[in-house]
Amino acid sequence: MDYKALKDDIKLATKQCFSELQKKYPNDNVCGYALYSDSDATSVSPAMNTLAHLQELQAEDPDDKAYYKWSPGEWAHEFEGAEFFSAISKALFEEAKSIIATEKLIAFRKNVYEACVSGLEELLKEGVFPRGAEEFVLVFTLSDSEVPDDEIQWIKRLNTEKNANEFESWINSLDEE
């Protein structure tokens, strides 16, 4: 698989999705955008959150404020705009299905995740997302597994130092429970 082409496809789909969601919800104050994949790297899906939705969930459950801020599955527009990623997900599924060797599957997953994170990182640098805005978070995560060390590194690459530190503290607190 050509991972540079994959990253470029992810960037294009992300730009189109984010733009479309902003047009669809012009009065919503967007506070987060995410891409997420699965433990086999067979799909890429989007999520977008709004400040009103985040504040509502946090008011209902103040003990889990960080969870609602950083968990795309709880966001206002989770999976909305997935059609922009359908060709990517189909290609990833077919590629993963063809890999037999464990070490090649591990490398495939790592490369897919990196294409997602670096694609988001480049879009951030291009001004697609509000760079340096404390109220905005950019996330890449996995929907069906936890890789805290990787997630911390991904979040550090995509967010302000303050938000990245908050995320790291929250993730580390989960290990203590």
C-alpha atoms as a PDB file:
ATOM      1  CA  MET A   1       0.000   0.000   0.000  1.00  0.00           C
ATOM      2  CA  ASP A   2       1.173   3.493  -0.830  1.00  0.00           C
ATOM      3  CA  TYR A   3       0.991   5.217   2.571  1.00  0.00           C
ATOM      4  CA  LYS A   4       1.762   8.682   1.194  1.00  0.00           C
ATOM      5  CA  ALA A   5      -1.236   8.343  -1.131  1.00  0.00           C
ATOM      6  CA  LEU A   6      -3.281   7.072   1.819  1.00  0.00           C
ATOM      7  CA  LYS A   7      -2.305  10.130   3.875  1.00  0.00           C
ATOM      8  CA  ASP A   8      -3.235  12.409   0.975  1.00  0.00           C
ATOM      9  CA  ASP A   9      -6.605  10.648   0.611  1.00  0.00           C
ATOM     10  CA  ILE A  10      -7.218  10.991   4.351  1.00  0.00           C
ATOM     11  CA  LYS A  11      -6.368  14.695   4.204  1.00  0.00           C
ATOM     12  CA  LEU A  12      -8.752  15.284   1.311  1.00  0.00           C
ATOM     13  CA  ALA A  13     -11.583  13.318   2.934  1.00  0.00           C
ATOM     14  CA  THR A  14     -11.016  15.141   6.229  1.00  0.00           C
ATOM     15  CA  LYS A  15     -11.080  18.575   4.585  1.00  0.00           C
ATOM     16  CA  GLN A  16     -14.260  17.710   2.710  1.00  0.00           C
ATOM     17  CA  CYS A  17     -15.927  16.209   5.771  1.00  0.00           C
ATOM     18  CA  PHE A  18     -14.993  19.049   8.122  1.00  0.00           C
ATOM     19  CA  SER A  19     -16.088  21.660   5.586  1.00  0.00           C
ATOM     20  CA  GLU A  20     -19.396  19.894   4.967  1.00  0.00           C
ATOM     21  CA  LEU A  21     -20.143  19.556   8.684  1.00  0.00           C
ATOM     22  CA  GLN A  22     -19.368  23.242   9.248  1.00  0.00           C
ATOM     23  CA  LYS A  23     -21.782  24.149   6.428  1.00  0.00           C
ATOM     24  CA  LYS A  24     -24.441  21.815   7.823  1.00  0.00           C
ATOM     25  CA  TYR A  25     -24.104  23.246  11.348  1.00  0.00           C
ATOM     26  CA  PRO A  26     -23.034  26.874  10.768  1.00  0.00           C
ATOM     27  CA  ASN A  27     -24.180  28.128  14.181  1.00  0.00           C
ATOM     28  CA  ASP A  28     -22.431  25.435  16.214  1.00  0.00           C
ATOM     29  CA  ASN A  29     -19.251  26.340  18.053  1.00  0.00           C
ATOM     30  CA  VAL A  30     -16.975  23.443  17.077  1.00  0.00           C
ATOM     31  CA  CYS A  31     -14.665  22.337  19.891  1.00  0.00           C
ATOM     32  CA  GLY A  32     -13.266  19.090  18.516  1.00  0.00           C
ATOM     33  CA  TYR A  33     -12.601  17.005  15.445  1.00  0.00           C
ATOM     34  CA  ALA A  34     -11.416  13.418  15.382  1.00  0.00           C
ATOM     35  CA  LEU A  35     -10.487  10.579  13.162  1.00  0.00           C
ATOM     36  CA  TYR A  36     -10.638   7.102  14.559  1.00  0.00           C
ATOM     37  CA  SER A  37      -9.741   3.677  13.327  1.00  0.00           C
ATOM     38  CA  ASP A  38      -9.982   0.184  14.748  1.00  0.00           C
ATOM     39  CA  SER A  39      -7.459  -2.266  16.147  1.00  0.00           C
ATOM     40  CA  ASP A  40      -7.043  -3.887  12.714  1.00  0.00           C
ATOM     41  CA  ALA A  41      -6.763  -0.526  10.870  1.00  0.00           C
ATOM     42  CA  THR A  42      -9.543  -1.551   8.485  1.00  0.00           C
ATOM     43  CA  SER A  43     -11.437   1.740   8.603  1.00  0.00           C
ATOM     44  CA  VAL A  44     -11.186   5.479   9.193  1.00  0.00           C
ATOM     45  CA  SER A  45     -14.155   7.425  10.532  1.00  0.00           C
ATOM     46  CA  PRO A  46     -14.745  11.046  11.570  1.00  0.00           C
ATOM     47  CA  ALA A  47     -16.352  12.769  14.532  1.00  0.00           C
ATOM     48  CA  MET A  48     -16.972  16.412  15.329  1.00  0.00           C
ATOM     49  CA  ASN A  49     -17.996  17.914  18.642  1.00  0.00           C
ATOM     50  CA  THR A  50     -19.708  21.141  19.593  1.00  0.00           C
ATOM     51  CA  LEU A  51     -19.166  23.205  22.693  1.00  0.00           C
ATOM     52  CA  ALA A  52     -22.880  23.121  23.599  1.00  0.00           C
ATOM     53  CA  HIS A  53     -22.957  19.304  23.421  1.00  0.00           C
ATOM     54  CA  LEU A  54     -19.732  18.987  25.421  1.00  0.00           C
ATOM     55  CA  GLN A  55     -20.953  21.368  28.118  1.00  0.00           C
ATOM     56  CA  GLU A  56     -24.292  19.550  28.366  1.00  0.00           C
ATOM     57  CA  LEU A  57     -22.624  16.158  28.897  1.00  0.00           C
ATOM     58  CA  GLN A  58     -20.110  17.594  31.345  1.00  0.00           C
ATOM     59  CA  ALA A  59     -22.896  19.260  33.356  1.00  0.00           C
ATOM     60  CA  GLU A  60     -24.772  15.940  33.543  1.00  0.00           C
ATOM     61  CA  ASP A  61     -21.644  14.060  34.631  1.00  0.00           C
ATOM     62  CA  PRO A  62     -19.080  16.488  36.098  1.00  0.00           C
ATOM     63  CA  ASP A  63     -16.805  13.698  37.347  1.00  0.00           C
ATOM     64  CA  ASP A  64     -16.056  12.643  33.757  1.00  0.00           C
ATOM     65  CA  LYS A  65     -15.427  16.008  32.090  1.00  0.00           C
ATOM     66  CA  ALA A  66     -12.197  14.837  30.432  1.00  0.00           C
ATOM     67  CA  TYR A  67     -13.859  11.685  29.114  1.00  0.00           C
ATOM     68  CA  TYR A  68     -16.443  13.700  27.198  1.00  0.00           C
ATOM     69  CA  LYS A  69     -13.823  16.118  25.904  1.00  0.00           C
ATOM     70  CA  TRP A  70     -11.512  13.405  24.533  1.00  0.00           C
ATOM     71  CA  SER A  71     -13.868  10.551  23.537  1.00  0.00           C
ATOM     72  CA  PRO A  72     -15.221  10.926  19.983  1.00  0.00           C
ATOM     73  CA  GLY A  73     -17.798   8.191  20.570  1.00  0.00           C
ATOM     74  CA  GLU A  74     -19.604  10.666  22.850  1.00  0.00           C
ATOM     75  CA  TRP A  75     -19.416  13.619  20.502  1.00  0.00           C
ATOM     76  CA  ALA A  76     -22.345  15.421  18.859  1.00  0.00           C
ATOM     77  CA  HIS A  77     -21.553  14.332  15.301  1.00  0.00           C
ATOM     78  CA  GLU A  78     -19.842  10.967  15.756  1.00  0.00           C
ATOM     79  CA  PHE A  79     -19.549   9.051  12.449  1.00  0.00           C
ATOM     80  CA  GLU A  80     -21.339  11.845  10.597  1.00  0.00           C
ATOM     81  CA  GLY A  81     -19.549  12.420   7.301  1.00  0.00           C
ATOM     82  CA  ALA A  82     -18.271   8.837   7.172  1.00  0.00           C
ATOM     83  CA  GLU A  83     -19.225   8.693   3.497  1.00  0.00           C
ATOM     84  CA  PHE A  84     -16.158  10.811   2.736  1.00  0.00           C
ATOM     85  CA  PHE A  85     -14.015   7.960   4.097  1.00  0.00           C
ATOM     86  CA  SER A  86     -15.859   4.987   2.569  1.00  0.00           C
ATOM     87  CA  ALA A  87     -13.395   4.396  -0.294  1.00  0.00           C
ATOM     88  CA  ILE A  88     -10.482   4.662   2.140  1.00  0.00           C
ATOM     89  CA  SER A  89     -12.081   2.206   4.548  1.00  0.00           C
ATOM     90  CA  LYS A  90     -12.865  -0.235   1.748  1.00  0.00           C
ATOM     91  CA  ALA A  91      -9.242  -0.129   0.541  1.00  0.00           C
ATOM     92  CA  LEU A  92      -7.934  -0.608   4.091  1.00  0.00           C
ATOM     93  CA  PHE A  93     -10.242  -3.564   4.682  1.00  0.00           C
ATOM     94  CA  GLU A  94      -9.146  -5.244   1.451  1.00  0.00           C
ATOM     95  CA  GLU A  95      -5.469  -4.621   2.188  1.00  0.00           C
ATOM     96  CA  ALA A  96      -5.716  -5.927   5.769  1.00  0.00           C
ATOM     97  CA  LYS A  97      -7.582  -9.011   4.559  1.00  0.00           C
ATOM     98  CA  SER A  98      -4.702  -9.849   2.211  1.00  0.00           C
ATOM     99  CA  ILE A  99      -1.998  -9.707   4.911  1.00  0.00           C
ATOM    100  CA  ILE A 100      -1.111 -13.047   6.436  1.00  0.00           C
ATOM    101  CA  ALA A 101       2.161 -12.473   8.317  1.00  0.00           C
ATOM    102  CA  THR A 102       1.777 -11.000  11.808  1.00  0.00           C
ATOM    103  CA  GLU A 103       4.748  -8.650  11.465  1.00  0.00           C
ATOM    104  CA  LYS A 104       3.319  -7.252   8.209  1.00  0.00           C
ATOM    105  CA  LEU A 105      -0.045  -6.687   9.874  1.00  0.00           C
ATOM    106  CA  ILE A 106       1.634  -4.836  12.745  1.00  0.00           C
ATOM    107  CA  ALA A 107       3.535  -2.646  10.260  1.00  0.00           C
ATOM    108  CA  PHE A 108       0.316  -2.054   8.268  1.00  0.00           C
ATOM    109  CA  ARG A 109      -1.540  -0.860  11.372  1.00  0.00           C
ATOM    110  CA  LYS A 110       1.330   1.412  12.412  1.00  0.00           C
ATOM    111  CA  ASN A 111       1.498   2.946   8.918  1.00  0.00           C
ATOM    112  CA  VAL A 112      -2.270   3.501   8.714  1.00  0.00           C
ATOM    113  CA  TYR A 113      -2.354   5.174  12.126  1.00  0.00           C
ATOM    114  CA  GLU A 114       0.614   7.347  11.179  1.00  0.00           C
ATOM    115  CA  ALA A 115      -1.109   8.363   7.921  1.00  0.00           C
ATOM    116  CA  CYS A 116      -4.112   9.520   9.959  1.00  0.00           C
ATOM    117  CA  VAL A 117      -2.090  11.440  12.540  1.00  0.00           C
ATOM    118  CA  SER A 118       0.304  13.032  10.083  1.00  0.00           C
ATOM    119  CA  GLY A 119      -2.610  13.923   7.797  1.00  0.00           C
ATOM    120  CA  LEU A 120      -4.358  15.709  10.684  1.00  0.00           C
ATOM    121  CA  GLU A 121      -1.073  17.331  11.670  1.00  0.00           C
ATOM    122  CA  GLU A 122      -0.570  18.711   8.151  1.00  0.00           C
ATOM    123  CA  LEU A 123      -4.156  20.012   8.005  1.00  0.00           C
ATOM    124  CA  LEU A 124      -3.583  21.742  11.334  1.00  0.00           C
ATOM    125  CA  LYS A 125      -0.467  23.421   9.936  1.00  0.00           C
ATOM    126  CA  GLU A 126      -2.423  24.400   6.799  1.00  0.00           C
ATOM    127  CA  GLY A 127      -5.021  26.197   8.926  1.00  0.00           C
ATOM    128  CA  VAL A 128      -7.944  23.811   8.380  1.00  0.00           C
ATOM    129  CA  PHE A 129      -8.327  23.530  12.161  1.00  0.00           C
ATOM    130  CA  PRO A 130      -7.859  26.324  14.719  1.00  0.00           C
ATOM    131  CA  ARG A 131      -4.200  26.012  15.707  1.00  0.00           C
ATOM    132  CA  GLY A 132      -3.420  26.858  19.294  1.00  0.00           C
ATOM    133  CA  ALA A 133      -7.037  27.263  20.366  1.00  0.00           C
ATOM    134  CA  GLU A 134      -7.340  25.921  23.929  1.00  0.00           C
ATOM    135  CA  GLU A 135     -11.038  25.163  23.494  1.00  0.00           C
ATOM    136  CA  PHE A 136     -10.437  23.014  20.379  1.00  0.00           C
ATOM    137  CA  VAL A 137      -9.086  19.470  20.464  1.00  0.00           C
ATOM    138  CA  LEU A 138      -7.893  17.353  17.567  1.00  0.00           C
ATOM    139  CA  VAL A 139      -7.951  13.616  18.193  1.00  0.00           C
ATOM    140  CA  PHE A 140      -6.864  10.375  16.613  1.00  0.00           C
ATOM    141  CA  THR A 141      -7.891   7.276  18.523  1.00  0.00           C
ATOM    142  CA  LEU A 142      -8.926   3.661  18.184  1.00  0.00           C
ATOM    143  CA  SER A 143     -12.549   2.716  18.655  1.00  0.00           C
ATOM    144  CA  ASP A 144     -12.073  -0.788  19.976  1.00  0.00           C
ATOM    145  CA  SER A 145      -8.810  -0.900  21.878  1.00  0.00           C
ATOM    146  CA  GLU A 146      -6.593   1.192  24.105  1.00  0.00           C
ATOM    147  CA  VAL A 147      -2.979   2.062  23.416  1.00  0.00           C
ATOM    148  CA  PRO A 148      -2.360   4.793  26.003  1.00  0.00           C
ATOM    149  CA  ASP A 149       1.283   5.477  25.152  1.00  0.00           C
ATOM    150  CA  ASP A 150       0.505   5.849  21.449  1.00  0.00           C
ATOM    151  CA  GLU A 151      -2.585   7.946  22.119  1.00  0.00           C
ATOM    152  CA  ILE A 152      -0.617  10.310  24.356  1.00  0.00           C
ATOM    153  CA  GLN A 153       1.947  10.817  21.594  1.00  0.00           C
ATOM    154  CA  TRP A 154      -0.757  11.361  18.968  1.00  0.00           C
ATOM    155  CA  ILE A 155      -2.529  13.934  21.148  1.00  0.00           C
ATOM    156  CA  LYS A 156       0.757  15.738  21.857  1.00  0.00           C
ATOM    157  CA  ARG A 157       1.371  16.094  18.134  1.00  0.00           C
ATOM    158  CA  LEU A 158      -2.101  17.481  17.451  1.00  0.00           C
ATOM    159  CA  ASN A 159      -2.881  19.794  20.369  1.00  0.00           C
ATOM    160  CA  THR A 160      -1.647  22.623  22.525  1.00  0.00           C
ATOM    161  CA  GLU A 161       0.723  21.689  25.324  1.00  0.00           C
ATOM    162  CA  LYS A 162      -1.973  22.474  27.903  1.00  0.00           C
ATOM    163  CA  ASN A 163      -4.521  20.184  26.241  1.00  0.00           C
ATOM    164  CA  ALA A 164      -1.945  17.448  25.670  1.00  0.00           C
ATOM    165  CA  ASN A 165      -0.941  17.561  29.337  1.00  0.00           C
ATOM    166  CA  GLU A 166      -4.584  17.405  30.374  1.00  0.00           C
ATOM    167  CA  PHE A 167      -5.123  14.365  28.147  1.00  0.00           C
ATOM    168  CA  GLU A 168      -2.018  12.623  29.481  1.00  0.00           C
ATOM    169  CA  SER A 169      -3.088  13.237  33.095  1.00  0.00           C
ATOM    170  CA  TRP A 170      -6.535  11.882  32.349  1.00  0.00           C
ATOM    171  CA  ILE A 171      -5.225   8.754  30.587  1.00  0.00           C
ATOM    172  CA  ASN A 172      -2.748   8.083  33.372  1.00  0.00           C
ATOM    173  CA  SER A 173      -5.510   8.480  35.979  1.00  0.00           C
ATOM    174  CA  LEU A 174      -7.452   5.703  34.262  1.00  0.00           C
ATOM    175  CA  ASP A 175      -4.559   3.308  34.911  1.00  0.00           C
ATOM    176  CA  GLU A 176      -4.729   4.146  38.606  1.00  0.00           C
ATOM    177  CA  GLU A 177      -8.402   3.193  38.908  1.00  0.00           C
END
